[in-house]
mmCIF file of all heavy atoms, coordinates in Angstrom:
data_MODEL
# 
_entry.id   MODEL 
# 
loop_
_atom_site.group_PDB 
_atom_site.id 
_atom_site.type_symbol 
_atom_site.label_atom_id 
_atom_site.label_alt_id 
_atom_site.label_comp_id 
_atom_site.label_asym_id 
_atom_site.label_entity_id 
_atom_site.label_seq_id 
_atom_site.pdbx_PDB_ins_code 
_atom_site.Cartn_x 
_atom_site.Cartn_y 
_atom_site.Cartn_z 
_atom_site.occupancy 
_atom_site.B_iso_or_equiv 
_atom_site.pdbx_formal_charge 
_atom_site.auth_seq_id 
_atom_site.auth_comp_id 
_atom_site.auth_asym_id 
_atom_site.auth_atom_id 
_atom_site.pdbx_PDB_model_num 
ATOM 1   N N   . ASN A 1 1  ? 2.196   3.574  -11.861 1.00 0.00 ? 1  ASN A N   1 
ATOM 2   C CA  . ASN A 1 1  ? 1.789   2.348  -12.523 1.00 0.00 ? 1  ASN A CA  1 
ATOM 3   C C   . ASN A 1 1  ? 1.054   1.452  -11.529 1.00 0.00 ? 1  ASN A C   1 
ATOM 4   O O   . ASN A 1 1  ? 1.664   0.907  -10.624 1.00 0.00 ? 1  ASN A O   1 
ATOM 5   C CB  . ASN A 1 1  ? 3.025   1.639  -13.081 1.00 0.00 ? 1  ASN A CB  1 
ATOM 6   C CG  . ASN A 1 1  ? 2.666   0.428  -13.898 1.00 0.00 ? 1  ASN A CG  1 
ATOM 7   O OD1 . ASN A 1 1  ? 1.515   0.270  -14.300 1.00 0.00 ? 1  ASN A OD1 1 
ATOM 8   N ND2 . ASN A 1 1  ? 3.638   -0.419 -14.147 1.00 0.00 ? 1  ASN A ND2 1 
ATOM 9   N N   . MET A 1 2  ? -0.279  1.331  -11.684 1.00 0.00 ? 2  MET A N   1 
ATOM 10  C CA  . MET A 1 2  ? -1.063  0.471  -10.804 1.00 0.00 ? 2  MET A CA  1 
ATOM 11  C C   . MET A 1 2  ? -2.309  0.023  -11.533 1.00 0.00 ? 2  MET A C   1 
ATOM 12  O O   . MET A 1 2  ? -2.671  0.578  -12.566 1.00 0.00 ? 2  MET A O   1 
ATOM 13  C CB  . MET A 1 2  ? -1.408  1.162  -9.482  1.00 0.00 ? 2  MET A CB  1 
ATOM 14  C CG  . MET A 1 2  ? -2.316  2.368  -9.611  1.00 0.00 ? 2  MET A CG  1 
ATOM 15  S SD  . MET A 1 2  ? -2.777  3.137  -8.042  1.00 0.00 ? 2  MET A SD  1 
ATOM 16  C CE  . MET A 1 2  ? -1.242  3.800  -7.491  1.00 0.00 ? 2  MET A CE  1 
ATOM 17  N N   . GLN A 1 3  ? -2.963  -0.992 -10.995 1.00 0.00 ? 3  GLN A N   1 
ATOM 18  C CA  . GLN A 1 3  ? -4.195  -1.522 -11.567 1.00 0.00 ? 3  GLN A CA  1 
ATOM 19  C C   . GLN A 1 3  ? -5.243  -0.423 -11.668 1.00 0.00 ? 3  GLN A C   1 
ATOM 20  O O   . GLN A 1 3  ? -5.369  0.396  -10.757 1.00 0.00 ? 3  GLN A O   1 
ATOM 21  C CB  . GLN A 1 3  ? -4.737  -2.636 -10.660 1.00 0.00 ? 3  GLN A CB  1 
ATOM 22  C CG  . GLN A 1 3  ? -3.827  -3.817 -10.530 1.00 0.00 ? 3  GLN A CG  1 
ATOM 23  C CD  . GLN A 1 3  ? -3.989  -4.786 -11.680 1.00 0.00 ? 3  GLN A CD  1 
ATOM 24  O OE1 . GLN A 1 3  ? -4.975  -4.751 -12.390 1.00 0.00 ? 3  GLN A OE1 1 
ATOM 25  N NE2 . GLN A 1 3  ? -3.003  -5.649 -11.854 1.00 0.00 ? 3  GLN A NE2 1 
ATOM 26  N N   . PRO A 1 4  ? -6.039  -0.385 -12.752 1.00 0.00 ? 4  PRO A N   1 
ATOM 27  C CA  . PRO A 1 4  ? -7.075  0.639  -12.892 1.00 0.00 ? 4  PRO A CA  1 
ATOM 28  C C   . PRO A 1 4  ? -8.082  0.638  -11.740 1.00 0.00 ? 4  PRO A C   1 
ATOM 29  O O   . PRO A 1 4  ? -8.485  1.696  -11.273 1.00 0.00 ? 4  PRO A O   1 
ATOM 30  C CB  . PRO A 1 4  ? -7.757  0.279  -14.211 1.00 0.00 ? 4  PRO A CB  1 
ATOM 31  C CG  . PRO A 1 4  ? -6.744  -0.494 -14.975 1.00 0.00 ? 4  PRO A CG  1 
ATOM 32  C CD  . PRO A 1 4  ? -5.924  -1.214 -13.946 1.00 0.00 ? 4  PRO A CD  1 
ATOM 33  N N   . SER A 1 5  ? -8.473  -0.548 -11.261 1.00 0.00 ? 5  SER A N   1 
ATOM 34  C CA  . SER A 1 5  ? -9.451  -0.591 -10.166 1.00 0.00 ? 5  SER A CA  1 
ATOM 35  C C   . SER A 1 5  ? -8.855  -0.021 -8.882  1.00 0.00 ? 5  SER A C   1 
ATOM 36  O O   . SER A 1 5  ? -9.541  0.666  -8.126  1.00 0.00 ? 5  SER A O   1 
ATOM 37  C CB  . SER A 1 5  ? -9.946  -2.015 -9.932  1.00 0.00 ? 5  SER A CB  1 
ATOM 38  O OG  . SER A 1 5  ? -8.864  -2.864 -9.635  1.00 0.00 ? 5  SER A OG  1 
ATOM 39  N N   . LEU A 1 6  ? -7.584  -0.283 -8.629  1.00 0.00 ? 6  LEU A N   1 
ATOM 40  C CA  . LEU A 1 6  ? -6.930  0.261  -7.441  1.00 0.00 ? 6  LEU A CA  1 
ATOM 41  C C   . LEU A 1 6  ? -6.767  1.771  -7.585  1.00 0.00 ? 6  LEU A C   1 
ATOM 42  O O   . LEU A 1 6  ? -6.993  2.513  -6.625  1.00 0.00 ? 6  LEU A O   1 
ATOM 43  C CB  . LEU A 1 6  ? -5.568  -0.402 -7.218  1.00 0.00 ? 6  LEU A CB  1 
ATOM 44  C CG  . LEU A 1 6  ? -4.791  0.040  -5.997  1.00 0.00 ? 6  LEU A CG  1 
ATOM 45  C CD1 . LEU A 1 6  ? -5.608  -0.194 -4.719  1.00 0.00 ? 6  LEU A CD1 1 
ATOM 46  C CD2 . LEU A 1 6  ? -3.480  -0.704 -5.901  1.00 0.00 ? 6  LEU A CD2 1 
ATOM 47  N N   . ARG A 1 7  ? -6.425  2.226  -8.776  1.00 0.00 ? 7  ARG A N   1 
ATOM 48  C CA  . ARG A 1 7  ? -6.278  3.653  -9.017  1.00 0.00 ? 7  ARG A CA  1 
ATOM 49  C C   . ARG A 1 7  ? -7.612  4.368  -8.756  1.00 0.00 ? 7  ARG A C   1 
ATOM 50  O O   . ARG A 1 7  ? -7.649  5.409  -8.111  1.00 0.00 ? 7  ARG A O   1 
ATOM 51  C CB  . ARG A 1 7  ? -5.798  3.899  -10.449 1.00 0.00 ? 7  ARG A CB  1 
ATOM 52  C CG  . ARG A 1 7  ? -5.518  5.353  -10.754 1.00 0.00 ? 7  ARG A CG  1 
ATOM 53  C CD  . ARG A 1 7  ? -4.892  5.585  -12.123 1.00 0.00 ? 7  ARG A CD  1 
ATOM 54  N NE  . ARG A 1 7  ? -5.499  4.828  -13.193 1.00 0.00 ? 7  ARG A NE  1 
ATOM 55  C CZ  . ARG A 1 7  ? -4.876  3.893  -13.913 1.00 0.00 ? 7  ARG A CZ  1 
ATOM 56  N NH1 . ARG A 1 7  ? -3.616  3.597  -13.668 1.00 0.00 ? 7  ARG A NH1 1 
ATOM 57  N NH2 . ARG A 1 7  ? -5.497  3.256  -14.878 1.00 0.00 ? 7  ARG A NH2 1 
ATOM 58  N N   . THR A 1 8  ? -8.714  3.783  -9.229  1.00 0.00 ? 8  THR A N   1 
ATOM 59  C CA  . THR A 1 8  ? -10.038 4.361  -8.998  1.00 0.00 ? 8  THR A CA  1 
ATOM 60  C C   . THR A 1 8  ? -10.354 4.410  -7.513  1.00 0.00 ? 8  THR A C   1 
ATOM 61  O O   . THR A 1 8  ? -10.839 5.421  -7.006  1.00 0.00 ? 8  THR A O   1 
ATOM 62  C CB  . THR A 1 8  ? -11.120 3.532  -9.733  1.00 0.00 ? 8  THR A CB  1 
ATOM 63  O OG1 . THR A 1 8  ? -10.793 3.501  -11.119 1.00 0.00 ? 8  THR A OG1 1 
ATOM 64  C CG2 . THR A 1 8  ? -12.501 4.124  -9.543  1.00 0.00 ? 8  THR A CG2 1 
ATOM 65  N N   . PHE A 1 9  ? -10.051 3.323  -6.807  1.00 0.00 ? 9  PHE A N   1 
ATOM 66  C CA  . PHE A 1 9  ? -10.304 3.276  -5.367  1.00 0.00 ? 9  PHE A CA  1 
ATOM 67  C C   . PHE A 1 9  ? -9.498  4.348  -4.638  1.00 0.00 ? 9  PHE A C   1 
ATOM 68  O O   . PHE A 1 9  ? -10.017 5.044  -3.771  1.00 0.00 ? 9  PHE A O   1 
ATOM 69  C CB  . PHE A 1 9  ? -9.973  1.889  -4.819  1.00 0.00 ? 9  PHE A CB  1 
ATOM 70  C CG  . PHE A 1 9  ? -10.203 1.770  -3.347  1.00 0.00 ? 9  PHE A CG  1 
ATOM 71  C CD1 . PHE A 1 9  ? -11.479 1.614  -2.847  1.00 0.00 ? 9  PHE A CD1 1 
ATOM 72  C CD2 . PHE A 1 9  ? -9.148  1.826  -2.462  1.00 0.00 ? 9  PHE A CD2 1 
ATOM 73  C CE1 . PHE A 1 9  ? -11.709 1.517  -1.487  1.00 0.00 ? 9  PHE A CE1 1 
ATOM 74  C CE2 . PHE A 1 9  ? -9.359  1.725  -1.098  1.00 0.00 ? 9  PHE A CE2 1 
ATOM 75  C CZ  . PHE A 1 9  ? -10.647 1.569  -0.623  1.00 0.00 ? 9  PHE A CZ  1 
ATOM 76  N N   . LEU A 1 10 ? -8.233  4.492  -5.004  1.00 0.00 ? 10 LEU A N   1 
ATOM 77  C CA  . LEU A 1 10 ? -7.380  5.485  -4.350  1.00 0.00 ? 10 LEU A CA  1 
ATOM 78  C C   . LEU A 1 10 ? -7.839  6.901  -4.648  1.00 0.00 ? 10 LEU A C   1 
ATOM 79  O O   . LEU A 1 10 ? -7.804  7.771  -3.775  1.00 0.00 ? 10 LEU A O   1 
ATOM 80  C CB  . LEU A 1 10 ? -5.921  5.296  -4.765  1.00 0.00 ? 10 LEU A CB  1 
ATOM 81  C CG  . LEU A 1 10 ? -5.276  4.018  -4.232  1.00 0.00 ? 10 LEU A CG  1 
ATOM 82  C CD1 . LEU A 1 10 ? -3.872  3.865  -4.802  1.00 0.00 ? 10 LEU A CD1 1 
ATOM 83  C CD2 . LEU A 1 10 ? -5.245  4.014  -2.728  1.00 0.00 ? 10 LEU A CD2 1 
ATOM 84  N N   . LEU A 1 11 ? -8.290  7.135  -5.874  1.00 0.00 ? 11 LEU A N   1 
ATOM 85  C CA  . LEU A 1 11 ? -8.823  8.455  -6.204  1.00 0.00 ? 11 LEU A CA  1 
ATOM 86  C C   . LEU A 1 11 ? -10.055 8.767  -5.352  1.00 0.00 ? 11 LEU A C   1 
ATOM 87  O O   . LEU A 1 11 ? -10.223 9.882  -4.872  1.00 0.00 ? 11 LEU A O   1 
ATOM 88  C CB  . LEU A 1 11 ? -9.162  8.548  -7.691  1.00 0.00 ? 11 LEU A CB  1 
ATOM 89  C CG  . LEU A 1 11 ? -7.970  8.651  -8.632  1.00 0.00 ? 11 LEU A CG  1 
ATOM 90  C CD1 . LEU A 1 11 ? -8.432  8.534  -10.082 1.00 0.00 ? 11 LEU A CD1 1 
ATOM 91  C CD2 . LEU A 1 11 ? -7.215  9.940  -8.411  1.00 0.00 ? 11 LEU A CD2 1 
ATOM 92  N N   . LEU A 1 12 ? -10.881 7.758  -5.145  1.00 0.00 ? 12 LEU A N   1 
ATOM 93  C CA  . LEU A 1 12 ? -12.054 7.936  -4.290  1.00 0.00 ? 12 LEU A CA  1 
ATOM 94  C C   . LEU A 1 12 ? -11.622 8.256  -2.861  1.00 0.00 ? 12 LEU A C   1 
ATOM 95  O O   . LEU A 1 12 ? -12.143 9.178  -2.233  1.00 0.00 ? 12 LEU A O   1 
ATOM 96  C CB  . LEU A 1 12 ? -12.933 6.690  -4.317  1.00 0.00 ? 12 LEU A CB  1 
ATOM 97  C CG  . LEU A 1 12 ? -14.150 6.700  -3.409  1.00 0.00 ? 12 LEU A CG  1 
ATOM 98  C CD1 . LEU A 1 12 ? -15.103 7.817  -3.795  1.00 0.00 ? 12 LEU A CD1 1 
ATOM 99  C CD2 . LEU A 1 12 ? -14.863 5.368  -3.470  1.00 0.00 ? 12 LEU A CD2 1 
ATOM 100 N N   . ALA A 1 13 ? -10.655 7.498  -2.355  1.00 0.00 ? 13 ALA A N   1 
ATOM 101 C CA  . ALA A 1 13 ? -10.175 7.730  -0.989  1.00 0.00 ? 13 ALA A CA  1 
ATOM 102 C C   . ALA A 1 13 ? -9.561  9.121  -0.856  1.00 0.00 ? 13 ALA A C   1 
ATOM 103 O O   . ALA A 1 13 ? -9.811  9.838  0.116   1.00 0.00 ? 13 ALA A O   1 
ATOM 104 C CB  . ALA A 1 13 ? -9.159  6.661  -0.594  1.00 0.00 ? 13 ALA A CB  1 
ATOM 105 N N   . LEU A 1 14 ? -8.769  9.525  -1.838  1.00 0.00 ? 14 LEU A N   1 
ATOM 106 C CA  . LEU A 1 14 ? -8.152  10.849 -1.786  1.00 0.00 ? 14 LEU A CA  1 
ATOM 107 C C   . LEU A 1 14 ? -9.186  11.959 -1.937  1.00 0.00 ? 14 LEU A C   1 
ATOM 108 O O   . LEU A 1 14 ? -9.038  13.037 -1.373  1.00 0.00 ? 14 LEU A O   1 
ATOM 109 C CB  . LEU A 1 14 ? -7.063  10.963 -2.850  1.00 0.00 ? 14 LEU A CB  1 
ATOM 110 C CG  . LEU A 1 14 ? -5.852  10.059 -2.612  1.00 0.00 ? 14 LEU A CG  1 
ATOM 111 C CD1 . LEU A 1 14 ? -4.898  10.118 -3.796  1.00 0.00 ? 14 LEU A CD1 1 
ATOM 112 C CD2 . LEU A 1 14 ? -5.147  10.412 -1.325  1.00 0.00 ? 14 LEU A CD2 1 
ATOM 113 N N   . THR A 1 15 ? -10.255 11.689 -2.689  1.00 0.00 ? 15 THR A N   1 
ATOM 114 C CA  . THR A 1 15 ? -11.347 12.650 -2.796  1.00 0.00 ? 15 THR A CA  1 
ATOM 115 C C   . THR A 1 15 ? -12.005 12.840 -1.444  1.00 0.00 ? 15 THR A C   1 
ATOM 116 O O   . THR A 1 15 ? -12.339 13.956 -1.051  1.00 0.00 ? 15 THR A O   1 
ATOM 117 C CB  . THR A 1 15 ? -12.393 12.177 -3.831  1.00 0.00 ? 15 THR A CB  1 
ATOM 118 O OG1 . THR A 1 15 ? -11.736 12.028 -5.091  1.00 0.00 ? 15 THR A OG1 1 
ATOM 119 C CG2 . THR A 1 15 ? -13.538 13.165 -3.961  1.00 0.00 ? 15 THR A CG2 1 
ATOM 120 N N   . LEU A 1 16 ? -12.166 11.742 -0.709  1.00 0.00 ? 16 LEU A N   1 
ATOM 121 C CA  . LEU A 1 16 ? -12.723 11.846 0.641   1.00 0.00 ? 16 LEU A CA  1 
ATOM 122 C C   . LEU A 1 16 ? -11.840 12.730 1.519   1.00 0.00 ? 16 LEU A C   1 
ATOM 123 O O   . LEU A 1 16 ? -12.345 13.527 2.306   1.00 0.00 ? 16 LEU A O   1 
ATOM 124 C CB  . LEU A 1 16 ? -12.857 10.464 1.284   1.00 0.00 ? 16 LEU A CB  1 
ATOM 125 C CG  . LEU A 1 16 ? -13.988 9.587  0.762   1.00 0.00 ? 16 LEU A CG  1 
ATOM 126 C CD1 . LEU A 1 16 ? -13.880 8.186  1.353   1.00 0.00 ? 16 LEU A CD1 1 
ATOM 127 C CD2 . LEU A 1 16 ? -15.334 10.192 1.075   1.00 0.00 ? 16 LEU A CD2 1 
ATOM 128 N N   . VAL A 1 17 ? -10.540 12.595 1.371   1.00 0.00 ? 17 VAL A N   1 
ATOM 129 C CA  . VAL A 1 17 ? -9.623  13.425 2.148   1.00 0.00 ? 17 VAL A CA  1 
ATOM 130 C C   . VAL A 1 17 ? -9.818  14.889 1.778   1.00 0.00 ? 17 VAL A C   1 
ATOM 131 O O   . VAL A 1 17 ? -9.919  15.761 2.644   1.00 0.00 ? 17 VAL A O   1 
ATOM 132 C CB  . VAL A 1 17 ? -8.150  13.008 1.917   1.00 0.00 ? 17 VAL A CB  1 
ATOM 133 C CG1 . VAL A 1 17 ? -7.203  14.003 2.556   1.00 0.00 ? 17 VAL A CG1 1 
ATOM 134 C CG2 . VAL A 1 17 ? -7.900  11.618 2.469   1.00 0.00 ? 17 VAL A CG2 1 
ATOM 135 N N   . ALA A 1 18 ? -9.897  15.157 0.479   1.00 0.00 ? 18 ALA A N   1 
ATOM 136 C CA  . ALA A 1 18 ? -10.041 16.536 0.024   1.00 0.00 ? 18 ALA A CA  1 
ATOM 137 C C   . ALA A 1 18 ? -11.380 17.128 0.466   1.00 0.00 ? 18 ALA A C   1 
ATOM 138 O O   . ALA A 1 18 ? -11.440 18.274 0.909   1.00 0.00 ? 18 ALA A O   1 
ATOM 139 C CB  . ALA A 1 18 ? -9.916  16.603 -1.497  1.00 0.00 ? 18 ALA A CB  1 
ATOM 140 N N   . VAL A 1 19 ? -12.451 16.359 0.343   1.00 0.00 ? 19 VAL A N   1 
ATOM 141 C CA  . VAL A 1 19 ? -13.776 16.858 0.703   1.00 0.00 ? 19 VAL A CA  1 
ATOM 142 C C   . VAL A 1 19 ? -13.903 17.044 2.206   1.00 0.00 ? 19 VAL A C   1 
ATOM 143 O O   . VAL A 1 19 ? -14.367 18.066 2.688   1.00 0.00 ? 19 VAL A O   1 
ATOM 144 C CB  . VAL A 1 19 ? -14.877 15.894 0.183   1.00 0.00 ? 19 VAL A CB  1 
ATOM 145 C CG1 . VAL A 1 19 ? -16.233 16.251 0.752   1.00 0.00 ? 19 VAL A CG1 1 
ATOM 146 C CG2 . VAL A 1 19 ? -14.910 15.922 -1.333  1.00 0.00 ? 19 VAL A CG2 1 
ATOM 147 N N   . ASN A 1 20 ? -13.487 16.041 2.951   1.00 0.00 ? 20 ASN A N   1 
ATOM 148 C CA  . ASN A 1 20 ? -13.606 16.109 4.404   1.00 0.00 ? 20 ASN A CA  1 
ATOM 149 C C   . ASN A 1 20 ? -12.481 16.920 5.044   1.00 0.00 ? 20 ASN A C   1 
ATOM 150 O O   . ASN A 1 20 ? -12.624 17.390 6.162   1.00 0.00 ? 20 ASN A O   1 
ATOM 151 C CB  . ASN A 1 20 ? -13.616 14.705 5.018   1.00 0.00 ? 20 ASN A CB  1 
ATOM 152 C CG  . ASN A 1 20 ? -14.855 13.943 4.632   1.00 0.00 ? 20 ASN A CG  1 
ATOM 153 O OD1 . ASN A 1 20 ? -15.915 14.513 4.456   1.00 0.00 ? 20 ASN A OD1 1 
ATOM 154 N ND2 . ASN A 1 20 ? -14.723 12.631 4.491   1.00 0.00 ? 20 ASN A ND2 1 
ATOM 155 N N   . GLY A 1 21 ? -11.372 17.028 4.342   1.00 0.00 ? 21 GLY A N   1 
ATOM 156 C CA  . GLY A 1 21 ? -10.250 17.766 4.884   1.00 0.00 ? 21 GLY A CA  1 
ATOM 157 C C   . GLY A 1 21 ? -9.653  17.097 6.109   1.00 0.00 ? 21 GLY A C   1 
ATOM 158 O O   . GLY A 1 21 ? -8.988  17.734 6.901   1.00 0.00 ? 21 GLY A O   1 
ATOM 159 N N   . SER A 1 22 ? -9.899  15.819 6.259   1.00 0.00 ? 22 SER A N   1 
ATOM 160 C CA  . SER A 1 22 ? -9.444  15.150 7.468   1.00 0.00 ? 22 SER A CA  1 
ATOM 161 C C   . SER A 1 22 ? -8.876  13.770 7.161   1.00 0.00 ? 22 SER A C   1 
ATOM 162 O O   . SER A 1 22 ? -9.612  12.821 6.944   1.00 0.00 ? 22 SER A O   1 
ATOM 163 C CB  . SER A 1 22 ? -10.612 15.021 8.443   1.00 0.00 ? 22 SER A CB  1 
ATOM 164 O OG  . SER A 1 22 ? -10.215 14.288 9.571   1.00 0.00 ? 22 SER A OG  1 
ATOM 165 N N   . LYS A 1 23 ? -7.559  13.689 7.141   1.00 0.00 ? 23 LYS A N   1 
ATOM 166 C CA  . LYS A 1 23 ? -6.895  12.416 6.914   1.00 0.00 ? 23 LYS A CA  1 
ATOM 167 C C   . LYS A 1 23 ? -7.225  11.410 8.019   1.00 0.00 ? 23 LYS A C   1 
ATOM 168 O O   . LYS A 1 23 ? -7.478  10.245 7.713   1.00 0.00 ? 23 LYS A O   1 
ATOM 169 C CB  . LYS A 1 23 ? -5.392  12.649 6.798   1.00 0.00 ? 23 LYS A CB  1 
ATOM 170 C CG  . LYS A 1 23 ? -4.627  11.450 6.329   1.00 0.00 ? 23 LYS A CG  1 
ATOM 171 C CD  . LYS A 1 23 ? -3.216  11.832 5.955   1.00 0.00 ? 23 LYS A CD  1 
ATOM 172 C CE  . LYS A 1 23 ? -2.266  11.196 6.912   1.00 0.00 ? 23 LYS A CE  1 
ATOM 173 N NZ  . LYS A 1 23 ? -0.879  11.437 6.606   1.00 0.00 ? 23 LYS A NZ  1 
ATOM 174 N N   . PRO A 1 24 ? -7.274  11.804 9.285   1.00 0.00 ? 24 PRO A N   1 
ATOM 175 C CA  . PRO A 1 24 ? -7.628  10.832 10.331  1.00 0.00 ? 24 PRO A CA  1 
ATOM 176 C C   . PRO A 1 24 ? -9.009  10.196 10.127  1.00 0.00 ? 24 PRO A C   1 
ATOM 177 O O   . PRO A 1 24 ? -9.191  9.023  10.434  1.00 0.00 ? 24 PRO A O   1 
ATOM 178 C CB  . PRO A 1 24 ? -7.588  11.654 11.620  1.00 0.00 ? 24 PRO A CB  1 
ATOM 179 C CG  . PRO A 1 24 ? -6.603  12.738 11.329  1.00 0.00 ? 24 PRO A CG  1 
ATOM 180 C CD  . PRO A 1 24 ? -6.830  13.064 9.874   1.00 0.00 ? 24 PRO A CD  1 
ATOM 181 N N   . LYS A 1 25 ? -9.960  10.949 9.592   1.00 0.00 ? 25 LYS A N   1 
ATOM 182 C CA  . LYS A 1 25 ? -11.287 10.376 9.329   1.00 0.00 ? 25 LYS A CA  1 
ATOM 183 C C   . LYS A 1 25 ? -11.205 9.271  8.284   1.00 0.00 ? 25 LYS A C   1 
ATOM 184 O O   . LYS A 1 25 ? -11.842 8.230  8.424   1.00 0.00 ? 25 LYS A O   1 
ATOM 185 C CB  . LYS A 1 25 ? -12.269 11.454 8.854   1.00 0.00 ? 25 LYS A CB  1 
ATOM 186 C CG  . LYS A 1 25 ? -12.793 12.335 9.944   1.00 0.00 ? 25 LYS A CG  1 
ATOM 187 C CD  . LYS A 1 25 ? -13.831 13.296 9.385   1.00 0.00 ? 25 LYS A CD  1 
ATOM 188 C CE  . LYS A 1 25 ? -14.331 14.238 10.447  1.00 0.00 ? 25 LYS A CE  1 
ATOM 189 N NZ  . LYS A 1 25 ? -15.289 15.215 9.898   1.00 0.00 ? 25 LYS A NZ  1 
ATOM 190 N N   . VAL A 1 26 ? -10.439 9.496  7.229   1.00 0.00 ? 26 VAL A N   1 
ATOM 191 C CA  . VAL A 1 26 ? -10.293 8.493  6.181   1.00 0.00 ? 26 VAL A CA  1 
ATOM 192 C C   . VAL A 1 26 ? -9.565  7.272  6.733   1.00 0.00 ? 26 VAL A C   1 
ATOM 193 O O   . VAL A 1 26 ? -9.948  6.130  6.445   1.00 0.00 ? 26 VAL A O   1 
ATOM 194 C CB  . VAL A 1 26 ? -9.557  9.072  4.956   1.00 0.00 ? 26 VAL A CB  1 
ATOM 195 C CG1 . VAL A 1 26 ? -9.296  7.990  3.917   1.00 0.00 ? 26 VAL A CG1 1 
ATOM 196 C CG2 . VAL A 1 26 ? -10.371 10.202 4.346   1.00 0.00 ? 26 VAL A CG2 1 
ATOM 197 N N   . GLU A 1 27 ? -8.531  7.493  7.532   1.00 0.00 ? 27 GLU A N   1 
ATOM 198 C CA  . GLU A 1 27 ? -7.826  6.375  8.153   1.00 0.00 ? 27 GLU A CA  1 
ATOM 199 C C   . GLU A 1 27 ? -8.797  5.540  8.982   1.00 0.00 ? 27 GLU A C   1 
ATOM 200 O O   . GLU A 1 27 ? -8.804  4.316  8.900   1.00 0.00 ? 27 GLU A O   1 
ATOM 201 C CB  . GLU A 1 27 ? -6.689  6.876  9.050   1.00 0.00 ? 27 GLU A CB  1 
ATOM 202 C CG  . GLU A 1 27 ? -5.509  7.417  8.286   1.00 0.00 ? 27 GLU A CG  1 
ATOM 203 C CD  . GLU A 1 27 ? -4.398  7.902  9.207   1.00 0.00 ? 27 GLU A CD  1 
ATOM 204 O OE1 . GLU A 1 27 ? -4.162  7.265  10.259  1.00 0.00 ? 27 GLU A OE1 1 
ATOM 205 O OE2 . GLU A 1 27 ? -3.767  8.923  8.876   1.00 0.00 ? 27 GLU A OE2 1 
ATOM 206 N N   . LYS A 1 28 ? -9.627  6.204  9.766   1.00 0.00 ? 28 LYS A N   1 
ATOM 207 C CA  . LYS A 1 28 ? -10.600 5.520  10.616  1.00 0.00 ? 28 LYS A CA  1 
ATOM 208 C C   . LYS A 1 28 ? -11.596 4.718  9.771   1.00 0.00 ? 28 LYS A C   1 
ATOM 209 O O   . LYS A 1 28 ? -11.896 3.567  10.080  1.00 0.00 ? 28 LYS A O   1 
ATOM 210 C CB  . LYS A 1 28 ? -11.337 6.522  11.496  1.00 0.00 ? 28 LYS A CB  1 
ATOM 211 C CG  . LYS A 1 28 ? -12.334 5.903  12.450  1.00 0.00 ? 28 LYS A CG  1 
ATOM 212 C CD  . LYS A 1 28 ? -12.958 6.980  13.328  1.00 0.00 ? 28 LYS A CD  1 
ATOM 213 C CE  . LYS A 1 28 ? -14.033 6.454  14.227  1.00 0.00 ? 28 LYS A CE  1 
ATOM 214 N NZ  . LYS A 1 28 ? -13.614 5.445  15.165  1.00 0.00 ? 28 LYS A NZ  1 
ATOM 215 N N   . ILE A 1 29 ? -12.075 5.321  8.685   1.00 0.00 ? 29 ILE A N   1 
ATOM 216 C CA  . ILE A 1 29 ? -13.013 4.631  7.796   1.00 0.00 ? 29 ILE A CA  1 
ATOM 217 C C   . ILE A 1 29 ? -12.361 3.383  7.204   1.00 0.00 ? 29 ILE A C   1 
ATOM 218 O O   . ILE A 1 29 ? -12.962 2.306  7.173   1.00 0.00 ? 29 ILE A O   1 
ATOM 219 C CB  . ILE A 1 29 ? -13.505 5.581  6.678   1.00 0.00 ? 29 ILE A CB  1 
ATOM 220 C CG1 . ILE A 1 29 ? -14.417 6.655  7.260   1.00 0.00 ? 29 ILE A CG1 1 
ATOM 221 C CG2 . ILE A 1 29 ? -14.223 4.805  5.576   1.00 0.00 ? 29 ILE A CG2 1 
ATOM 222 C CD1 . ILE A 1 29 ? -14.716 7.804  6.308   1.00 0.00 ? 29 ILE A CD1 1 
# 
């Protein structure tokens, strides 16, 4: 249960993790 805009943002961030395969890169960004 979260705001739709936050859910969209998190999906984008998690997509970056999946595409880049690098959690440290996303953390740095």
